[in-house]
Amino acid sequence: MEKENVMTKPINHQVIKTEASGIRLVLDLVKKPADQMIELTVGEIDLPTPAATKEAGKQAISNNVTKYTENMGFLSLRRVISDYIKKFYEVSYSPESEILVTVGASQGIDLTVRALIDAGDEVLLIGPAYPAYIQAVVLAGAIPVVVDTRSTHFRLSPEQLGSAISSKTKLVILNYPNNPTGIVLSKEELSSLASVIQQNDLYVLTDDVYQRLTYDQDCAPSIASASLMKERTIIVNGLSKSHSMTGWRIGYLAGPKVLIQEIYKIQQANVGCASSISQMAALTALTTDIEAPKTYIRVFRKRRDYVLQRLDEMSLNYTKPDGAFYVFIDVKAFGMSSWDFVAFTINESDLVLVHGSAFTEAGEGYVRLSFANEMQVLVEAMNRLEKTVDVLTTKKSAHLS
């Protein structure tokens, strides 16, 4: 009998320590066919990529722009990105040496963490936080430290930030407009945070992918625009949210030359370059279709206002989103964990939301609802949520009596 060939060498322990995204794990609870469920989970715009941008991608294929590009990305695109940043951040970045085109913003996060962080370093995450931040930090062998902002209604204060800093802290990751809360910090708030970061000689990675999706202003403020922050700030941004280009996988980093030239080395070994076709589409997105986010936000505002109205009618508390396309709903009153609430909603009402604990322990007590879906779907979704709330309220009343 042939001997079984069993591998005994272990898999990388940092990979084993890294948990899968809770946003995806919740889908494992779904047992019914997809056409019976309403999923308001994934952070993806349902509206199409702008027409001119799509045409630019088609033309790139027709014109055989299908080869490797520079590792940093087409210089023509980096020049457009530089102009775009100057317009919306009022900060200048050299297209030759301070901008690098990435395979989506997610790769930009990973590249930055890998370039900056050594094993044992601490990285501050502002909770609740996008799960990919923790994944990137753990994979780098570093220690994620979550700053819980629930007590300040999810608005990070200088005091909260300062109290979380230790001698091991090297990097702070910010994300405003925030996923999952939709919170947008003011210039004044960001300036106060910048002072703490400067005093402690830290780097900051600002994830600005929702920057153009704001309801009360054309563009959300960024800490990158604060005084004296350019040399310690890395901007990660992309086209997935602003131009509905999730599948194009195109983003960019902007930061000090000394850091970008190190990230460039990882890019060479990692993917080589972003897709040439997607780069050509992005060039058009940031020029011809530069105002496309305004079209999306007009649609999202109607959806947001409808969802909030229905939540008010259900007497559910929530954080009003000033940006992005999520609402973070308070479910603590039902006396169950956010995971249990999501599981109950799936089984009771065929509605899928995301548990707040998917966004670190600082999201516990809440669930995230994405309103990036057609209005008719949202109407039915809110009807199903109302059914869940009614059942849970009745159960709670019976228990109390």
Protein backbone atom coordinates (compact mmCIF):
# COMPACT_ATOMS: atom_id res chain seq x y z
CA MET A 1 0.00 0.00 0.00
CA GLU A 2 1.36 3.36 -1.03
CA LYS A 3 2.30 5.65 1.83
CA GLU A 4 0.24 8.83 2.12
CA ASN A 5 2.30 11.91 1.28
CA VAL A 6 1.40 14.38 4.04
CA MET A 7 3.06 17.79 4.26
CA THR A 8 4.40 18.61 7.71
CA LYS A 9 5.90 22.03 7.06
CA PRO A 10 3.56 24.69 8.48
CA ILE A 11 1.83 27.42 6.52
CA ASN A 12 2.97 30.98 7.27
CA HIS A 13 1.73 31.71 10.79
CA GLN A 14 0.85 35.32 9.98
CA VAL A 15 -1.52 34.11 7.28
CA ILE A 16 -3.09 31.60 9.67
CA LYS A 17 -3.56 34.39 12.26
CA THR A 18 -5.34 36.55 9.67
CA GLU A 19 -9.11 36.21 9.83
CA ALA A 20 -11.33 36.23 6.75
CA SER A 21 -13.45 39.35 6.25
CA GLY A 22 -16.58 39.29 8.41
CA ILE A 23 -18.43 41.04 5.59
CA ARG A 24 -18.04 37.90 3.49
CA LEU A 25 -18.54 35.45 6.36
CA VAL A 26 -22.08 36.64 6.95
CA LEU A 27 -23.06 35.24 3.55
CA ASP A 28 -22.32 31.77 4.93
CA LEU A 29 -25.48 32.12 7.01
CA VAL A 30 -27.65 32.34 3.90
CA LYS A 31 -29.28 28.98 3.11
CA LYS A 32 -32.02 30.03 0.69
CA PRO A 33 -31.64 30.71 -3.06
CA ALA A 34 -30.24 34.14 -3.89
CA ASP A 35 -33.45 35.26 -5.61
CA GLN A 36 -35.34 34.93 -2.31
CA MET A 37 -32.89 37.07 -0.36
CA ILE A 38 -32.14 40.78 -0.32
CA GLU A 39 -28.46 41.41 0.35
CA LEU A 40 -27.48 44.90 1.48
CA THR A 41 -23.94 43.89 2.34
CA VAL A 42 -21.19 44.55 -0.20
CA GLY A 43 -19.83 48.08 -0.64
CA GLU A 44 -20.40 48.36 -4.35
CA ILE A 45 -22.32 50.97 -6.35
CA ASP A 46 -25.13 49.44 -8.41
CA LEU A 47 -24.98 52.21 -11.04
CA PRO A 48 -22.83 51.81 -14.19
CA THR A 49 -19.34 53.10 -14.85
CA PRO A 50 -19.60 56.44 -16.75
CA ALA A 51 -20.04 56.02 -20.51
CA ALA A 52 -16.91 57.90 -21.64
CA THR A 53 -14.80 55.94 -19.16
CA LYS A 54 -16.12 52.63 -20.48
CA GLU A 55 -15.45 53.77 -24.03
CA ALA A 56 -11.86 54.65 -23.10
CA GLY A 57 -11.37 51.09 -21.88
CA LYS A 58 -12.77 49.70 -25.12
CA GLN A 59 -10.53 51.98 -27.16
CA ALA A 60 -7.50 50.84 -25.19
CA ILE A 61 -8.24 47.26 -26.23
CA SER A 62 -8.93 48.24 -29.86
CA ASN A 63 -5.70 50.24 -30.00
CA ASN A 64 -3.70 47.36 -28.49
CA VAL A 65 -2.83 49.23 -25.31
CA THR A 66 -2.57 45.82 -23.69
CA LYS A 67 1.09 45.55 -22.67
CA TYR A 68 2.99 46.17 -19.46
CA THR A 69 3.15 49.78 -18.33
CA GLU A 70 5.74 51.48 -16.15
CA ASN A 71 5.70 49.96 -12.65
CA MET A 72 4.50 53.30 -11.32
CA GLY A 73 1.75 53.48 -13.97
CA PHE A 74 1.44 55.50 -17.16
CA LEU A 75 3.03 58.92 -16.63
CA SER A 76 0.08 60.48 -18.46
CA LEU A 77 -2.28 59.04 -15.82
CA ARG A 78 -0.02 60.08 -12.95
CA ARG A 79 -0.06 63.63 -14.29
CA VAL A 80 -3.86 63.58 -14.33
CA ILE A 81 -3.91 62.18 -10.79
CA SER A 82 -1.54 64.95 -9.69
CA ASP A 83 -3.91 67.56 -11.13
CA TYR A 84 -6.88 65.82 -9.52
CA ILE A 85 -5.23 65.83 -6.10
CA LYS A 86 -4.27 69.49 -6.44
CA LYS A 87 -7.90 70.34 -7.25
CA PHE A 88 -9.47 68.45 -4.36
CA TYR A 89 -6.69 68.45 -1.73
CA GLU A 90 -4.89 71.71 -2.57
CA VAL A 91 -1.59 69.82 -2.19
CA SER A 92 0.96 69.23 -4.96
CA TYR A 93 2.46 65.81 -5.69
CA SER A 94 5.07 65.13 -8.35
CA PRO A 95 3.69 62.72 -10.98
CA GLU A 96 7.22 61.47 -11.62
CA SER A 97 8.17 60.49 -8.08
CA GLU A 98 5.29 60.87 -5.60
CA ILE A 99 2.38 59.01 -7.24
CA LEU A 100 2.04 55.28 -7.90
CA VAL A 101 -0.89 53.60 -9.68
CA THR A 102 -2.20 50.49 -7.89
CA VAL A 103 -4.50 47.55 -8.50
CA GLY A 104 -7.34 49.14 -6.57
CA ALA A 105 -7.12 51.00 -3.29
CA SER A 106 -6.88 47.70 -1.39
CA GLN A 107 -3.48 46.96 -2.92
CA GLY A 108 -2.42 50.48 -2.00
CA ILE A 109 -3.25 49.79 1.65
CA ASP A 110 -1.26 46.55 1.62
CA LEU A 111 1.73 48.12 -0.16
CA THR A 112 1.89 50.99 2.31
CA VAL A 113 1.68 48.80 5.39
CA ARG A 114 4.33 46.43 4.03
CA ALA A 115 6.67 49.31 3.20
CA LEU A 116 6.34 51.05 6.56
CA ILE A 117 5.79 48.40 9.18
CA ASP A 118 8.19 46.02 10.90
CA ALA A 119 7.17 43.02 12.99
CA GLY A 120 6.09 44.19 16.44
CA ASP A 121 5.16 47.72 15.39
CA GLU A 122 1.73 48.99 16.42
CA VAL A 123 -0.77 50.43 13.93
CA LEU A 124 -3.72 52.48 15.18
CA LEU A 125 -7.06 51.72 13.54
CA ILE A 126 -10.06 53.92 14.18
CA GLY A 127 -12.90 51.62 15.15
CA PRO A 128 -15.22 50.69 13.71
CA ALA A 129 -12.86 50.02 10.81
CA TYR A 130 -12.79 48.35 7.41
CA PRO A 131 -11.63 44.72 7.96
CA ALA A 132 -8.85 44.87 5.33
CA TYR A 133 -6.84 47.20 7.58
CA ILE A 134 -6.48 44.54 10.27
CA GLN A 135 -5.70 41.91 7.65
CA ALA A 136 -2.88 44.01 6.19
CA VAL A 137 -1.42 44.78 9.61
CA VAL A 138 -1.50 41.18 10.84
CA LEU A 139 0.00 39.88 7.60
CA ALA A 140 2.88 42.32 8.12
CA GLY A 141 3.53 40.84 11.56
CA ALA A 142 2.45 44.03 13.30
CA ILE A 143 -0.06 44.69 16.07
CA PRO A 144 -3.41 46.36 15.28
CA VAL A 145 -4.61 48.67 18.05
CA VAL A 146 -8.26 49.68 17.76
CA VAL A 147 -9.32 53.12 18.99
CA ASP A 148 -12.98 52.74 19.99
CA THR A 149 -14.98 55.84 18.98
CA ARG A 150 -18.46 54.71 20.05
CA SER A 151 -18.42 57.03 23.07
CA THR A 152 -17.89 60.09 20.84
CA HIS A 153 -20.52 59.11 18.27
CA PHE A 154 -17.76 57.76 16.00
CA ARG A 155 -15.92 61.08 15.77
CA LEU A 156 -12.26 60.51 16.64
CA SER A 157 -11.01 63.04 19.19
CA PRO A 158 -7.39 64.13 19.73
CA GLU A 159 -7.63 62.77 23.28
CA GLN A 160 -8.71 59.33 22.08
CA LEU A 161 -5.92 59.26 19.52
CA GLY A 162 -3.28 60.47 21.96
CA SER A 163 -4.18 57.97 24.67
CA ALA A 164 -3.79 55.04 22.24
CA ILE A 165 -0.25 55.96 21.16
CA SER A 166 2.66 54.02 22.62
CA SER A 167 6.40 53.85 21.99
CA LYS A 168 5.68 51.08 19.44
CA THR A 169 3.17 53.07 17.39
CA LYS A 170 4.34 53.90 13.88
CA LEU A 171 1.23 54.35 11.72
CA VAL A 172 -2.32 55.65 12.04
CA ILE A 173 -4.93 54.60 9.47
CA LEU A 174 -7.78 57.05 8.93
CA ASN A 175 -10.87 56.60 6.75
CA TYR A 176 -13.24 59.54 6.24
CA PRO A 177 -15.91 59.43 4.94
CA ASN A 178 -15.94 56.36 7.09
CA ASN A 179 -16.93 52.82 6.28
CA PRO A 180 -19.17 51.70 8.01
CA THR A 181 -20.53 54.83 9.74
CA GLY A 182 -20.56 57.45 6.97
CA ILE A 183 -18.99 59.97 9.36
CA VAL A 184 -17.12 62.90 7.78
CA LEU A 185 -14.69 64.88 9.94
CA SER A 186 -14.31 68.64 9.50
CA LYS A 187 -11.08 70.40 8.54
CA GLU A 188 -10.81 71.61 12.13
CA GLU A 189 -11.16 68.11 13.56
CA LEU A 190 -8.58 66.74 11.15
CA SER A 191 -6.19 69.59 11.96
CA SER A 192 -6.42 68.70 15.66
CA LEU A 193 -5.63 65.07 14.87
CA ALA A 194 -2.73 66.18 12.67
CA SER A 195 -1.19 68.00 15.62
CA VAL A 196 -1.22 64.81 17.71
CA ILE A 197 0.31 62.83 14.84
CA GLN A 198 3.06 65.41 14.35
CA GLN A 199 3.84 65.62 18.07
CA ASN A 200 4.33 61.84 18.16
CA ASP A 201 6.25 61.63 14.87
CA LEU A 202 3.86 59.14 13.25
CA TYR A 203 2.90 58.29 9.69
CA VAL A 204 -0.74 58.41 8.63
CA LEU A 205 -2.41 56.46 5.86
CA THR A 206 -5.62 58.20 4.83
CA ASP A 207 -8.06 55.99 2.94
CA ASP A 208 -10.04 58.51 0.92
CA VAL A 209 -11.99 56.22 -1.41
CA TYR A 210 -15.33 57.80 -0.42
CA GLN A 211 -13.95 61.34 -0.59
CA ARG A 212 -16.21 62.44 -3.47
CA LEU A 213 -19.33 60.71 -2.16
CA THR A 214 -20.51 63.33 0.32
CA TYR A 215 -23.97 64.83 0.79
CA ASP A 216 -23.25 68.37 1.98
CA GLN A 217 -20.07 69.26 0.10
CA ASP A 218 -18.34 68.43 -3.17
CA CYS A 219 -15.44 66.71 -1.49
CA ALA A 220 -14.72 65.54 2.05
CA PRO A 221 -11.74 67.13 3.83
CA SER A 222 -8.60 65.01 4.18
CA ILE A 223 -5.83 65.10 6.76
CA ALA A 224 -3.44 65.20 3.78
CA SER A 225 -4.43 68.85 3.34
CA ALA A 226 -3.56 69.81 6.91
CA SER A 227 -0.52 72.00 7.53
CA LEU A 228 2.87 70.20 7.61
CA MET A 229 1.32 66.78 6.94
CA LYS A 230 2.53 66.02 3.42
CA GLU A 231 5.82 64.38 4.43
CA ARG A 232 4.16 61.97 6.86
CA THR A 233 0.91 61.25 4.97
CA ILE A 234 0.13 58.59 2.37
CA ILE A 235 -3.07 59.06 0.41
CA VAL A 236 -4.78 55.94 -0.87
CA ASN A 237 -7.63 56.54 -3.27
CA GLY A 238 -9.21 54.93 -6.28
CA LEU A 239 -12.01 54.85 -8.80
CA SER A 240 -14.08 51.98 -7.38
CA LYS A 241 -16.42 54.14 -5.32
CA SER A 242 -16.20 57.54 -7.03
CA HIS A 243 -16.74 56.16 -10.55
CA SER A 244 -18.36 52.76 -9.92
CA MET A 245 -15.29 50.88 -11.14
CA THR A 246 -14.88 48.09 -8.58
CA GLY A 247 -14.18 45.46 -11.23
CA TRP A 248 -11.63 47.62 -13.06
CA ARG A 249 -9.31 47.35 -10.02
CA ILE A 250 -7.63 50.73 -10.31
CA GLY A 251 -6.39 53.02 -7.57
CA TYR A 252 -3.39 55.10 -6.58
CA LEU A 253 -1.06 56.18 -3.82
CA ALA A 254 0.34 59.66 -3.27
CA GLY A 255 3.02 60.31 -0.70
CA PRO A 256 6.55 61.52 0.00
CA LYS A 257 9.17 60.49 -2.57
CA VAL A 258 11.28 58.63 -0.02
CA LEU A 259 8.37 56.29 0.73
CA ILE A 260 6.96 55.94 -2.78
CA GLN A 261 10.36 54.81 -4.09
CA GLU A 262 10.34 51.99 -1.51
CA ILE A 263 6.73 51.03 -2.30
CA TYR A 264 7.81 50.96 -5.95
CA LYS A 265 10.12 48.02 -5.16
CA ILE A 266 7.25 46.00 -3.72
CA GLN A 267 5.09 46.87 -6.72
CA GLN A 268 7.78 45.47 -9.02
CA ALA A 269 7.84 42.17 -7.16
CA ASN A 270 4.12 42.05 -6.50
CA VAL A 271 2.04 42.78 -9.62
CA GLY A 272 4.44 44.69 -11.85
CA CYS A 273 1.83 47.23 -12.79
CA ALA A 274 -1.89 47.93 -12.83
CA SER A 275 -3.89 46.91 -15.91
CA SER A 276 -3.06 49.09 -18.92
CA ILE A 277 -6.72 49.02 -19.98
CA SER A 278 -7.93 50.14 -16.56
CA GLN A 279 -5.31 52.89 -16.48
CA MET A 280 -6.58 54.32 -19.76
CA ALA A 281 -10.14 54.20 -18.46
CA ALA A 282 -9.05 55.93 -15.24
CA LEU A 283 -7.43 58.72 -17.24
CA THR A 284 -10.82 59.52 -18.78
CA ALA A 285 -12.64 59.05 -15.46
CA LEU A 286 -10.50 61.76 -13.84
CA THR A 287 -10.88 64.19 -16.75
CA THR A 288 -13.95 63.83 -18.97
CA ASP A 289 -15.98 62.10 -16.24
CA ILE A 290 -14.53 64.02 -13.30
CA GLU A 291 -18.00 65.11 -12.14
CA ALA A 292 -19.57 61.62 -12.29
CA PRO A 293 -19.69 61.35 -8.47
CA LYS A 294 -22.23 64.19 -8.41
CA THR A 295 -24.57 62.05 -10.51
CA TYR A 296 -24.23 59.15 -8.09
CA ILE A 297 -24.69 61.28 -5.00
CA ARG A 298 -27.98 62.71 -6.30
CA VAL A 299 -29.32 59.16 -6.50
CA PHE A 300 -27.83 58.13 -3.16
CA ARG A 301 -29.25 61.15 -1.35
CA LYS A 302 -32.80 60.07 -2.24
CA ARG A 303 -32.06 56.53 -1.14
CA ARG A 304 -30.40 57.63 2.08
CA ASP A 305 -33.26 59.92 3.02
CA TYR A 306 -35.81 57.18 2.36
CA VAL A 307 -33.93 54.63 4.47
CA LEU A 308 -33.49 57.10 7.33
CA GLN A 309 -37.19 57.98 7.22
CA ARG A 310 -38.13 54.32 7.53
CA LEU A 311 -35.68 53.83 10.40
CA ASP A 312 -37.24 56.81 12.18
CA GLU A 313 -40.67 55.22 11.74
CA MET A 314 -39.31 52.02 13.34
CA SER A 315 -37.84 54.08 16.22
CA LEU A 316 -34.38 52.72 15.46
CA ASN A 317 -31.37 54.85 16.32
CA TYR A 318 -28.61 55.28 13.75
CA THR A 319 -25.65 57.41 12.80
CA LYS A 320 -26.67 59.79 10.01
CA PRO A 321 -24.21 59.29 7.15
CA ASP A 322 -22.69 62.47 5.71
CA GLY A 323 -20.76 60.42 3.15
CA ALA A 324 -20.49 56.97 1.52
CA PHE A 325 -23.60 54.82 1.08
CA TYR A 326 -24.07 53.01 4.37
CA VAL A 327 -26.11 53.57 7.50
CA PHE A 328 -24.91 52.16 10.83
CA ILE A 329 -27.97 51.09 12.82
CA ASP A 330 -28.02 50.74 16.61
CA VAL A 331 -29.48 47.36 17.62
CA LYS A 332 -28.35 47.25 21.26
CA ALA A 333 -31.95 47.63 22.48
CA PHE A 334 -32.78 44.10 21.33
CA GLY A 335 -30.37 42.52 23.82
CA MET A 336 -28.43 40.42 21.35
CA SER A 337 -25.08 40.62 19.61
CA SER A 338 -24.85 42.22 16.20
CA TRP A 339 -24.03 38.79 14.72
CA ASP A 340 -27.14 37.26 16.30
CA PHE A 341 -29.27 40.15 15.04
CA VAL A 342 -27.99 39.61 11.50
CA ALA A 343 -28.58 35.85 11.75
CA PHE A 344 -32.11 36.43 13.06
CA THR A 345 -32.87 38.89 10.26
CA ILE A 346 -31.67 36.41 7.65
CA ASN A 347 -33.84 33.61 9.04
CA GLU A 348 -36.87 35.72 9.88
CA SER A 349 -37.03 38.15 6.97
CA ASP A 350 -34.68 36.96 4.20
CA LEU A 351 -32.69 40.17 4.56
CA VAL A 352 -28.89 40.19 4.80
CA LEU A 353 -27.05 42.99 6.63
CA VAL A 354 -23.52 43.10 8.07
CA HIS A 355 -22.89 42.73 11.79
CA GLY A 356 -21.05 45.65 13.35
CA SER A 357 -18.43 43.38 14.91
CA ALA A 358 -17.15 42.68 11.38
CA PHE A 359 -15.62 46.16 11.68
CA THR A 360 -13.68 45.36 14.88
CA GLU A 361 -15.11 45.12 18.36
CA ALA A 362 -15.78 48.87 18.22
CA GLY A 363 -18.68 48.13 15.85
CA GLU A 364 -20.48 45.79 18.24
CA GLY A 365 -24.07 46.82 18.95
CA TYR A 366 -24.67 48.02 15.40
CA VAL A 367 -25.39 46.61 11.94
CA ARG A 368 -24.41 48.09 8.58
CA LEU A 369 -26.97 48.54 5.82
CA SER A 370 -25.79 49.47 2.33
CA PHE A 371 -28.26 51.56 0.34
CA ALA A 372 -26.33 51.13 -2.91
CA ASN A 373 -29.32 49.43 -4.51
CA GLU A 374 -32.42 50.29 -6.52
CA MET A 375 -35.22 52.08 -4.67
CA GLN A 376 -37.70 49.25 -5.21
CA VAL A 377 -35.24 46.85 -3.59
CA LEU A 378 -34.73 49.23 -0.67
CA VAL A 379 -38.49 49.56 -0.16
CA GLU A 380 -38.85 45.79 0.16
CA ALA A 381 -35.70 45.59 2.30
CA MET A 382 -37.05 48.13 4.77
CA ASN A 383 -40.36 46.26 4.89
CA ARG A 384 -38.44 43.13 5.81
CA LEU A 385 -36.38 44.96 8.42
CA GLU A 386 -39.58 46.35 9.92
CA LYS A 387 -40.91 42.79 10.17
CA THR A 388 -37.78 41.77 12.06
CA VAL A 389 -38.06 44.73 14.42
CA ASP A 390 -41.73 44.00 15.10
CA VAL A 391 -41.02 40.36 15.94
CA LEU A 392 -38.10 41.23 18.22
CA THR A 393 -40.05 44.01 19.94
CA THR A 394 -42.95 41.63 20.61
CA LYS A 395 -40.56 39.02 22.02
CA LYS A 396 -38.92 41.59 24.25
CA SER A 397 -42.28 42.84 25.54
CA ALA A 398 -43.43 39.29 26.29
CA HIS A 399 -40.20 38.59 28.16
CA LEU A 400 -40.53 41.74 30.27
CA SER A 401 -44.13 40.97 31.17
